[in-house]
C-alpha atoms as a PDB file:
ATOM      1  CA  MET A   1      23.752  14.360 -22.950  1.00  0.00           C
ATOM      2  CA  PRO A   2      22.234  12.456 -19.977  1.00  0.00           C
ATOM      3  CA  LEU A   3      18.566  11.554 -20.132  1.00  0.00           C
ATOM      4  CA  ARG A   4      16.392  13.538 -17.722  1.00  0.00           C
ATOM      5  CA  VAL A   5      12.861  12.498 -16.735  1.00  0.00           C
ATOM      6  CA  LYS A   6      10.198  13.941 -14.463  1.00  0.00           C
ATOM      7  CA  CYS A   7       9.567  12.165 -11.177  1.00  0.00           C
ATOM      8  CA  PRO A   8       6.031  10.678 -11.247  1.00  0.00           C
ATOM      9  CA  THR A   9       5.416  11.832  -7.660  1.00  0.00           C
ATOM     10  CA  CYS A  10       6.790  15.385  -7.375  1.00  0.00           C
ATOM     11  CA  ARG A  11       7.343  16.150 -11.102  1.00  0.00           C
ATOM     12  CA  ARG A  12      10.906  17.348 -10.430  1.00  0.00           C
ATOM     13  CA  GLU A  13      13.429  16.559 -13.176  1.00  0.00           C
ATOM     14  CA  THR A  14      15.918  13.841 -12.358  1.00  0.00           C
ATOM     15  CA  PHE A  15      18.604  11.858 -14.182  1.00  0.00           C
ATOM     16  CA  TRP A  16      17.651   8.409 -15.456  1.00  0.00           C
ATOM     17  CA  GLU A  17      21.135   6.900 -15.579  1.00  0.00           C
ATOM     18  CA  ASN A  18      22.731   5.780 -12.316  1.00  0.00           C
ATOM     19  CA  ASN A  19      19.603   6.711 -10.358  1.00  0.00           C
ATOM     20  CA  PRO A  20      18.840   3.927  -7.842  1.00  0.00           C
ATOM     21  CA  HIS A  21      15.303   5.293  -7.342  1.00  0.00           C
ATOM     22  CA  ARG A  22      14.270   5.620 -10.983  1.00  0.00           C
ATOM     23  CA  PRO A  23      11.806   6.592 -12.266  1.00  0.00           C
ATOM     24  CA  PHE A  24      11.522   8.560  -9.002  1.00  0.00           C
ATOM     25  CA  CYS A  25      13.925  11.273  -7.895  1.00  0.00           C
ATOM     26  CA  SER A  26      14.387   9.962  -4.360  1.00  0.00           C
ATOM     27  CA  ASP A  27      13.566   7.195  -1.931  1.00  0.00           C
ATOM     28  CA  ARG A  28      10.957   9.516  -0.379  1.00  0.00           C
ATOM     29  CA  CYS A  29       9.018   9.848  -3.649  1.00  0.00           C
ATOM     30  CA  LYS A  30       9.266   6.099  -4.216  1.00  0.00           C
ATOM     31  CA  LEU A  31       7.784   5.409  -0.767  1.00  0.00           C
ATOM     32  CA  ILE A  32       4.997   7.970  -1.299  1.00  0.00           C
ATOM     33  CA  ASP A  33       4.025   6.089  -4.474  1.00  0.00           C
ATOM     34  CA  LEU A  34       4.173   2.732  -2.695  1.00  0.00           C
ATOM     35  CA  GLY A  35       1.928   4.103   0.058  1.00  0.00           C
ATOM     36  CA  ALA A  36      -0.612   5.230  -2.539  1.00  0.00           C
ATOM     37  CA  TRP A  37      -0.734   1.684  -3.945  1.00  0.00           C
ATOM     38  CA  THR A  38      -1.142   0.103  -0.503  1.00  0.00           C
ATOM     39  CA  GLU A  39      -3.973   2.535   0.326  1.00  0.00           C
ATOM     40  CA  GLU A  40      -5.596   1.566  -3.011  1.00  0.00           C
ATOM     41  CA  ARG A  41      -5.585   5.136  -4.335  1.00  0.00           C
ATOM     42  CA  TYR A  42      -4.550   3.832  -7.750  1.00  0.00           C
ATOM     43  CA  ARG A  43      -7.078   1.690  -9.572  1.00  0.00           C
ATOM     44  CA  ILE A  44      -7.178  -0.164 -12.836  1.00  0.00           C
ATOM     45  CA  PRO A  45     -10.477   0.494 -14.654  1.00  0.00           C
ATOM     46  CA  GLY A  46     -12.831  -2.438 -14.970  1.00  0.00           C
ATOM     47  CA  GLN A  47     -15.842  -4.120 -13.498  1.00  0.00           C
ATOM     48  CA  LYS A  48     -15.751  -5.007  -9.824  1.00  0.00           C
ATOM     49  CA  ILE A  49     -15.702  -8.757  -9.266  1.00  0.00           C
ATOM     50  CA  GLU A  50     -17.149 -10.073  -6.019  1.00  0.00           C
ATOM     51  CA  PRO A  51     -15.356 -13.050  -4.454  1.00  0.00           C
ATOM     52  CA  PRO A  52     -17.387 -16.246  -4.225  1.00  0.00           C
ATOM     53  CA  GLY A  53     -19.369 -16.515  -0.994  1.00  0.00           C
ATOM     54  CA  ASP A  54     -19.632 -19.396   1.468  1.00  0.00           C
ATOM     55  CA  ASP A  55     -23.252 -20.328   0.781  1.00  0.00           C
ATOM     56  CA  ASP A  56     -24.899 -23.308   2.462  1.00  0.00           C
ATOM     57  CA  ASP A  57     -26.426 -24.174  -0.929  1.00  0.00           C
ATOM     58  CA  SER A  58     -23.128 -25.627  -2.106  1.00  0.00           C
ATOM     59  CA  ASP A  59     -23.118 -28.060  -5.041  1.00  0.00           C
ATOM     60  CA  ASN A  60     -20.545 -30.206  -3.253  1.00  0.00           C
ATOM     61  CA  GLU A  61     -21.504 -33.891  -3.454  1.00  0.00           C
ATOM     62  CA  ASP A  62     -18.905 -35.134  -0.916  1.00  0.00           C
ATOM     63  CA  PRO A  63     -20.678 -35.488   2.470  1.00  0.00           C
ATOM     64  CA  GLN A  64     -17.365 -35.316   4.365  1.00  0.00           C
ATOM     65  CA  LEU A  65     -16.835 -31.748   3.173  1.00  0.00           C
ATOM     66  CA  ASN A  66     -20.333 -30.540   4.146  1.00  0.00           C
END
């Protein structure tokens, strides 16, 4: 009996074996999911980390880099 899974995007059942789009049911659902990632709709929980700024109070001792 072939394994059937639900598509993470549309929740329609699809076959796992020989499915080039797995775990999705189609290329359309795969692209919808990719678009959600690129629009940052999915997030991993955690604390927000701010990137280091370009402060003039740098601790750099090399005068050529200042």
